[in-house]
Amino acid sequence: MTNRLLRFWPLLVLLWLGACRAAGPEKPARTVAEFFNKYESRSGFHATTFEPNFLTRIVLARVGKISDADAVQALTAVRSIRALTFAPTSSGARDLTERGLLNEVDGLLRSERYEPLPTKEASGGNAAYRYAVRRSGDRIKEIVATGRQNDAPDSFLMLAISGDFTQSQVDQLQKILPGISGEITK
């Protein structure tokens, strides 16, 4: 019996290593929620969830009185915002930002059938964000924005905004978010 077990030992070790790798931390997330859960407790990452009244206060304090009705309606349509930030402190961490995180987000957005929106240049020197939305009929239920933190060029930022939006409201949020992302991620 011992000889039989020794013969299969290398096979058992390979199977065990394969199972550990498949269940390990490098397995790509399949959903936005899973992505947050995967990274929020890792070193260098910071995750925060905000309720809509907080966002409204930030925007009103930052831009004063909003006169555009679509912008006000967009803010009132927000149910929650989840923010995940990462600022690398080593070259290996910068590789994670450039290849790992962005590729993983792109893959999960494709597999979950998010619709990418055209990237618009941000004003005031703010980094441009990439946006993708999840629709239900003609309404947009979730917006995912990815980009960089304003003060850290090798960083990563992901915002997941849930609500009930029209396309016009999403257009307004695309104008507002780059200017207030620093406030949201503090």
C-alpha atoms as a PDB file:
ATOM      1  CA  MET A   1       0.000   0.000   0.000  1.00  0.00           C
ATOM      2  CA  THR A   2       2.837   2.404   0.783  1.00  0.00           C
ATOM      3  CA  ASN A   3       4.454   1.904  -2.643  1.00  0.00           C
ATOM      4  CA  ARG A   4       1.169   2.659  -4.386  1.00  0.00           C
ATOM      5  CA  LEU A   5       0.769   5.854  -2.384  1.00  0.00           C
ATOM      6  CA  LEU A   6       4.328   6.923  -3.193  1.00  0.00           C
ATOM      7  CA  ARG A   7       3.715   6.357  -6.912  1.00  0.00           C
ATOM      8  CA  PHE A   8       0.728   8.695  -6.852  1.00  0.00           C
ATOM      9  CA  TRP A   9       2.331  11.272  -4.557  1.00  0.00           C
ATOM     10  CA  PRO A  10       3.545  13.589  -7.384  1.00  0.00           C
ATOM     11  CA  LEU A  11       0.088  13.475  -8.966  1.00  0.00           C
ATOM     12  CA  LEU A  12      -1.579  14.316  -5.646  1.00  0.00           C
ATOM     13  CA  VAL A  13       0.800  17.242  -5.087  1.00  0.00           C
ATOM     14  CA  LEU A  14       0.085  18.626  -8.566  1.00  0.00           C
ATOM     15  CA  LEU A  15      -3.660  18.310  -8.054  1.00  0.00           C
ATOM     16  CA  TRP A  16      -3.414  20.031  -4.688  1.00  0.00           C
ATOM     17  CA  LEU A  17      -1.313  22.876  -6.120  1.00  0.00           C
ATOM     18  CA  GLY A  18      -3.743  23.300  -8.999  1.00  0.00           C
ATOM     19  CA  ALA A  19      -6.702  23.485  -6.628  1.00  0.00           C
ATOM     20  CA  CYS A  20      -4.948  26.070  -4.449  1.00  0.00           C
ATOM     21  CA  ARG A  21      -4.100  28.216  -7.451  1.00  0.00           C
ATOM     22  CA  ALA A  22      -7.631  28.050  -8.856  1.00  0.00           C
ATOM     23  CA  ALA A  23      -9.067  29.229  -5.549  1.00  0.00           C
ATOM     24  CA  GLY A  24      -6.269  31.712  -4.847  1.00  0.00           C
ATOM     25  CA  PRO A  25      -6.362  35.505  -4.732  1.00  0.00           C
ATOM     26  CA  GLU A  26      -5.322  35.897  -8.380  1.00  0.00           C
ATOM     27  CA  LYS A  27      -8.552  34.430  -9.706  1.00  0.00           C
ATOM     28  CA  PRO A  28     -10.248  37.236 -11.685  1.00  0.00           C
ATOM     29  CA  ALA A  29     -13.423  38.711 -10.262  1.00  0.00           C
ATOM     30  CA  ARG A  30     -16.554  38.021 -12.278  1.00  0.00           C
ATOM     31  CA  THR A  31     -18.725  40.901 -11.054  1.00  0.00           C
ATOM     32  CA  VAL A  32     -18.237  44.450  -9.817  1.00  0.00           C
ATOM     33  CA  ALA A  33     -19.298  43.429  -6.294  1.00  0.00           C
ATOM     34  CA  GLU A  34     -16.844  40.524  -6.355  1.00  0.00           C
ATOM     35  CA  PHE A  35     -14.075  42.897  -7.508  1.00  0.00           C
ATOM     36  CA  PHE A  36     -14.707  45.169  -4.519  1.00  0.00           C
ATOM     37  CA  ASN A  37     -14.818  42.207  -2.130  1.00  0.00           C
ATOM     38  CA  LYS A  38     -11.598  40.810  -3.566  1.00  0.00           C
ATOM     39  CA  TYR A  39      -9.522  43.968  -3.189  1.00  0.00           C
ATOM     40  CA  GLU A  40     -11.070  46.096  -0.417  1.00  0.00           C
ATOM     41  CA  SER A  41      -9.100  44.476   2.404  1.00  0.00           C
ATOM     42  CA  ARG A  42      -5.774  44.165   0.581  1.00  0.00           C
ATOM     43  CA  SER A  43      -2.803  46.302   1.433  1.00  0.00           C
ATOM     44  CA  GLY A  44      -2.755  49.619  -0.437  1.00  0.00           C
ATOM     45  CA  PHE A  45      -6.474  49.514  -1.283  1.00  0.00           C
ATOM     46  CA  HIS A  46      -9.149  51.668   0.312  1.00  0.00           C
ATOM     47  CA  ALA A  47     -12.870  51.038  -0.153  1.00  0.00           C
ATOM     48  CA  THR A  48     -15.685  53.368   0.862  1.00  0.00           C
ATOM     49  CA  THR A  49     -19.444  53.362   0.371  1.00  0.00           C
ATOM     50  CA  PHE A  50     -21.414  56.609   0.297  1.00  0.00           C
ATOM     51  CA  GLU A  51     -25.081  57.328   0.495  1.00  0.00           C
ATOM     52  CA  PRO A  52     -26.603  59.831  -1.957  1.00  0.00           C
ATOM     53  CA  ASN A  53     -27.070  62.690   0.518  1.00  0.00           C
ATOM     54  CA  PHE A  54     -23.304  62.779   1.059  1.00  0.00           C
ATOM     55  CA  LEU A  55     -22.658  63.118  -2.677  1.00  0.00           C
ATOM     56  CA  THR A  56     -25.178  65.943  -2.935  1.00  0.00           C
ATOM     57  CA  ARG A  57     -23.464  67.832  -0.094  1.00  0.00           C
ATOM     58  CA  ILE A  58     -20.040  67.383  -1.720  1.00  0.00           C
ATOM     59  CA  VAL A  59     -21.230  68.642  -5.088  1.00  0.00           C
ATOM     60  CA  LEU A  60     -23.126  71.593  -3.658  1.00  0.00           C
ATOM     61  CA  ALA A  61     -20.143  72.617  -1.545  1.00  0.00           C
ATOM     62  CA  ARG A  62     -17.758  72.220  -4.483  1.00  0.00           C
ATOM     63  CA  VAL A  63     -19.674  73.881  -7.292  1.00  0.00           C
ATOM     64  CA  GLY A  64     -22.091  76.070  -5.390  1.00  0.00           C
ATOM     65  CA  LYS A  65     -25.621  76.328  -6.639  1.00  0.00           C
ATOM     66  CA  ILE A  66     -26.323  73.923  -9.494  1.00  0.00           C
ATOM     67  CA  SER A  67     -28.599  75.509 -12.049  1.00  0.00           C
ATOM     68  CA  ASP A  68     -28.718  72.615 -14.524  1.00  0.00           C
ATOM     69  CA  ALA A  69     -31.889  70.594 -13.853  1.00  0.00           C
ATOM     70  CA  ASP A  70     -30.370  67.394 -15.316  1.00  0.00           C
ATOM     71  CA  ALA A  71     -27.410  67.638 -12.929  1.00  0.00           C
ATOM     72  CA  VAL A  72     -29.712  68.025  -9.929  1.00  0.00           C
ATOM     73  CA  GLN A  73     -31.891  65.137 -11.119  1.00  0.00           C
ATOM     74  CA  ALA A  74     -28.806  62.993 -11.692  1.00  0.00           C
ATOM     75  CA  LEU A  75     -27.702  63.563  -8.111  1.00  0.00           C
ATOM     76  CA  THR A  76     -31.132  62.724  -6.740  1.00  0.00           C
ATOM     77  CA  ALA A  77     -31.188  59.491  -8.783  1.00  0.00           C
ATOM     78  CA  VAL A  78     -28.031  58.149  -7.070  1.00  0.00           C
ATOM     79  CA  ARG A  79     -28.733  55.353  -4.569  1.00  0.00           C
ATOM     80  CA  SER A  80     -25.139  54.642  -3.530  1.00  0.00           C
ATOM     81  CA  ILE A  81     -21.535  55.065  -4.565  1.00  0.00           C
ATOM     82  CA  ARG A  82     -18.788  52.579  -3.845  1.00  0.00           C
ATOM     83  CA  ALA A  83     -15.241  53.805  -4.305  1.00  0.00           C
ATOM     84  CA  LEU A  84     -12.124  51.640  -4.463  1.00  0.00           C
ATOM     85  CA  THR A  85      -8.715  53.295  -4.645  1.00  0.00           C
ATOM     86  CA  PHE A  86      -5.196  51.949  -4.881  1.00  0.00           C
ATOM     87  CA  ALA A  87      -1.945  53.908  -4.799  1.00  0.00           C
ATOM     88  CA  PRO A  88       1.064  51.699  -5.564  1.00  0.00           C
ATOM     89  CA  THR A  89       4.243  52.045  -3.543  1.00  0.00           C
ATOM     90  CA  SER A  90       6.496  49.707  -5.575  1.00  0.00           C
ATOM     91  CA  SER A  91       7.148  48.790  -9.209  1.00  0.00           C
ATOM     92  CA  GLY A  92       5.350  45.460  -8.719  1.00  0.00           C
ATOM     93  CA  ALA A  93       2.320  47.335  -7.432  1.00  0.00           C
ATOM     94  CA  ARG A  94       2.458  49.645 -10.489  1.00  0.00           C
ATOM     95  CA  ASP A  95       2.354  46.522 -12.683  1.00  0.00           C
ATOM     96  CA  LEU A  96      -0.765  45.420 -10.820  1.00  0.00           C
ATOM     97  CA  THR A  97      -2.351  48.760 -11.635  1.00  0.00           C
ATOM     98  CA  GLU A  98      -1.354  48.817 -15.299  1.00  0.00           C
ATOM     99  CA  ARG A  99      -1.977  45.249 -16.295  1.00  0.00           C
ATOM    100  CA  GLY A 100      -3.781  43.366 -13.581  1.00  0.00           C
ATOM    101  CA  LEU A 101      -6.468  45.708 -12.290  1.00  0.00           C
ATOM    102  CA  LEU A 102      -7.400  47.369 -15.570  1.00  0.00           C
ATOM    103  CA  ASN A 103      -7.474  44.070 -17.461  1.00  0.00           C
ATOM    104  CA  GLU A 104      -9.530  42.431 -14.740  1.00  0.00           C
ATOM    105  CA  VAL A 105     -12.054  45.293 -14.713  1.00  0.00           C
ATOM    106  CA  ASP A 106     -12.280  45.293 -18.512  1.00  0.00           C
ATOM    107  CA  GLY A 107     -12.904  41.535 -18.511  1.00  0.00           C
ATOM    108  CA  LEU A 108     -15.603  41.593 -15.866  1.00  0.00           C
ATOM    109  CA  LEU A 109     -17.394  44.538 -17.496  1.00  0.00           C
ATOM    110  CA  ARG A 110     -17.411  42.683 -20.836  1.00  0.00           C
ATOM    111  CA  SER A 111     -18.602  39.437 -19.291  1.00  0.00           C
ATOM    112  CA  GLU A 112     -21.364  41.194 -17.340  1.00  0.00           C
ATOM    113  CA  ARG A 113     -22.499  43.011 -20.495  1.00  0.00           C
ATOM    114  CA  TYR A 114     -21.744  46.545 -19.399  1.00  0.00           C
ATOM    115  CA  GLU A 115     -21.887  49.019 -22.243  1.00  0.00           C
ATOM    116  CA  PRO A 116     -18.774  51.204 -22.538  1.00  0.00           C
ATOM    117  CA  LEU A 117     -19.445  54.917 -23.004  1.00  0.00           C
ATOM    118  CA  PRO A 118     -17.252  57.184 -25.102  1.00  0.00           C
ATOM    119  CA  THR A 119     -14.451  58.724 -23.041  1.00  0.00           C
ATOM    120  CA  LYS A 120     -14.750  62.460 -22.683  1.00  0.00           C
ATOM    121  CA  GLU A 121     -11.780  64.651 -21.888  1.00  0.00           C
ATOM    122  CA  ALA A 122     -11.962  66.083 -18.395  1.00  0.00           C
ATOM    123  CA  SER A 123     -11.426  69.756 -17.741  1.00  0.00           C
ATOM    124  CA  GLY A 124      -9.180  71.430 -15.214  1.00  0.00           C
ATOM    125  CA  GLY A 125      -6.335  68.952 -15.603  1.00  0.00           C
ATOM    126  CA  ASN A 126      -8.344  66.096 -14.097  1.00  0.00           C
ATOM    127  CA  ALA A 127      -7.696  62.610 -15.356  1.00  0.00           C
ATOM    128  CA  ALA A 128     -10.120  61.247 -17.915  1.00  0.00           C
ATOM    129  CA  TYR A 129     -12.277  58.366 -16.740  1.00  0.00           C
ATOM    130  CA  ARG A 130     -13.563  55.367 -18.595  1.00  0.00           C
ATOM    131  CA  TYR A 131     -17.265  54.722 -18.080  1.00  0.00           C
ATOM    132  CA  ALA A 132     -19.431  51.660 -18.571  1.00  0.00           C
ATOM    133  CA  VAL A 133     -23.122  51.325 -17.795  1.00  0.00           C
ATOM    134  CA  ARG A 134     -25.590  48.559 -17.138  1.00  0.00           C
ATOM    135  CA  ARG A 135     -29.019  49.190 -18.620  1.00  0.00           C
ATOM    136  CA  SER A 136     -32.473  47.900 -17.926  1.00  0.00           C
ATOM    137  CA  GLY A 137     -34.579  48.944 -20.872  1.00  0.00           C
ATOM    138  CA  ASP A 138     -33.989  52.647 -21.496  1.00  0.00           C
ATOM    139  CA  ARG A 139     -32.865  53.292 -17.887  1.00  0.00           C
ATOM    140  CA  ILE A 140     -29.312  53.013 -16.583  1.00  0.00           C
ATOM    141  CA  LYS A 141     -29.080  51.137 -13.278  1.00  0.00           C
ATOM    142  CA  GLU A 142     -25.329  51.198 -12.655  1.00  0.00           C
ATOM    143  CA  ILE A 143     -22.375  53.279 -13.775  1.00  0.00           C
ATOM    144  CA  VAL A 144     -18.805  52.067 -13.356  1.00  0.00           C
ATOM    145  CA  ALA A 145     -16.044  54.650 -13.726  1.00  0.00           C
ATOM    146  CA  THR A 146     -12.358  53.748 -13.727  1.00  0.00           C
ATOM    147  CA  GLY A 147      -9.397  56.054 -13.823  1.00  0.00           C
ATOM    148  CA  ARG A 148      -6.611  57.491 -11.711  1.00  0.00           C
ATOM    149  CA  GLN A 149      -6.600  59.560  -8.555  1.00  0.00           C
ATOM    150  CA  ASN A 150      -5.760  63.186  -9.317  1.00  0.00           C
ATOM    151  CA  ASP A 151      -2.652  63.295  -7.122  1.00  0.00           C
ATOM    152  CA  ALA A 152      -1.191  59.853  -7.970  1.00  0.00           C
ATOM    153  CA  PRO A 153      -0.455  59.127 -11.652  1.00  0.00           C
ATOM    154  CA  ASP A 154       0.151  55.367 -11.161  1.00  0.00           C
ATOM    155  CA  SER A 155      -2.946  54.894  -9.023  1.00  0.00           C
ATOM    156  CA  PHE A 156      -6.249  53.168  -9.658  1.00  0.00           C
ATOM    157  CA  LEU A 157      -9.762  54.403  -8.931  1.00  0.00           C
ATOM    158  CA  MET A 158     -13.044  52.605  -9.452  1.00  0.00           C
ATOM    159  CA  LEU A 159     -16.455  54.087  -8.721  1.00  0.00           C
ATOM    160  CA  ALA A 160     -19.597  51.950  -8.847  1.00  0.00           C
ATOM    161  CA  ILE A 161     -22.679  54.180  -8.821  1.00  0.00           C
ATOM    162  CA  SER A 162     -26.106  52.612  -8.518  1.00  0.00           C
ATOM    163  CA  GLY A 163     -29.353  54.409  -9.202  1.00  0.00           C
ATOM    164  CA  ASP A 164     -32.002  54.954 -11.827  1.00  0.00           C
ATOM    165  CA  PHE A 165     -30.695  57.290 -14.541  1.00  0.00           C
ATOM    166  CA  THR A 166     -31.559  58.601 -17.969  1.00  0.00           C
ATOM    167  CA  GLN A 167     -28.781  58.972 -20.517  1.00  0.00           C
ATOM    168  CA  SER A 168     -28.908  62.751 -20.017  1.00  0.00           C
ATOM    169  CA  GLN A 169     -28.361  62.314 -16.278  1.00  0.00           C
ATOM    170  CA  VAL A 170     -25.397  60.014 -16.913  1.00  0.00           C
ATOM    171  CA  ASP A 171     -23.941  62.677 -19.212  1.00  0.00           C
ATOM    172  CA  GLN A 172     -24.202  65.157 -16.331  1.00  0.00           C
ATOM    173  CA  LEU A 173     -22.558  62.758 -13.901  1.00  0.00           C
ATOM    174  CA  GLN A 174     -19.702  62.289 -16.368  1.00  0.00           C
ATOM    175  CA  LYS A 175     -19.119  66.043 -16.173  1.00  0.00           C
ATOM    176  CA  ILE A 176     -19.305  66.203 -12.363  1.00  0.00           C
ATOM    177  CA  LEU A 177     -17.413  63.064 -11.256  1.00  0.00           C
ATOM    178  CA  PRO A 178     -13.878  63.932 -12.378  1.00  0.00           C
ATOM    179  CA  GLY A 179     -14.008  67.189 -10.427  1.00  0.00           C
ATOM    180  CA  ILE A 180     -15.275  65.659  -7.199  1.00  0.00           C
ATOM    181  CA  SER A 181     -13.579  62.258  -7.200  1.00  0.00           C
ATOM    182  CA  GLY A 182     -10.890  63.563  -4.863  1.00  0.00           C
ATOM    183  CA  GLU A 183     -13.554  64.491  -2.329  1.00  0.00           C
ATOM    184  CA  ILE A 184     -15.293  61.139  -2.703  1.00  0.00           C
ATOM    185  CA  THR A 185     -12.115  59.102  -2.194  1.00  0.00           C
ATOM    186  CA  LYS A 186     -10.740  60.964   0.834  1.00  0.00           C
END
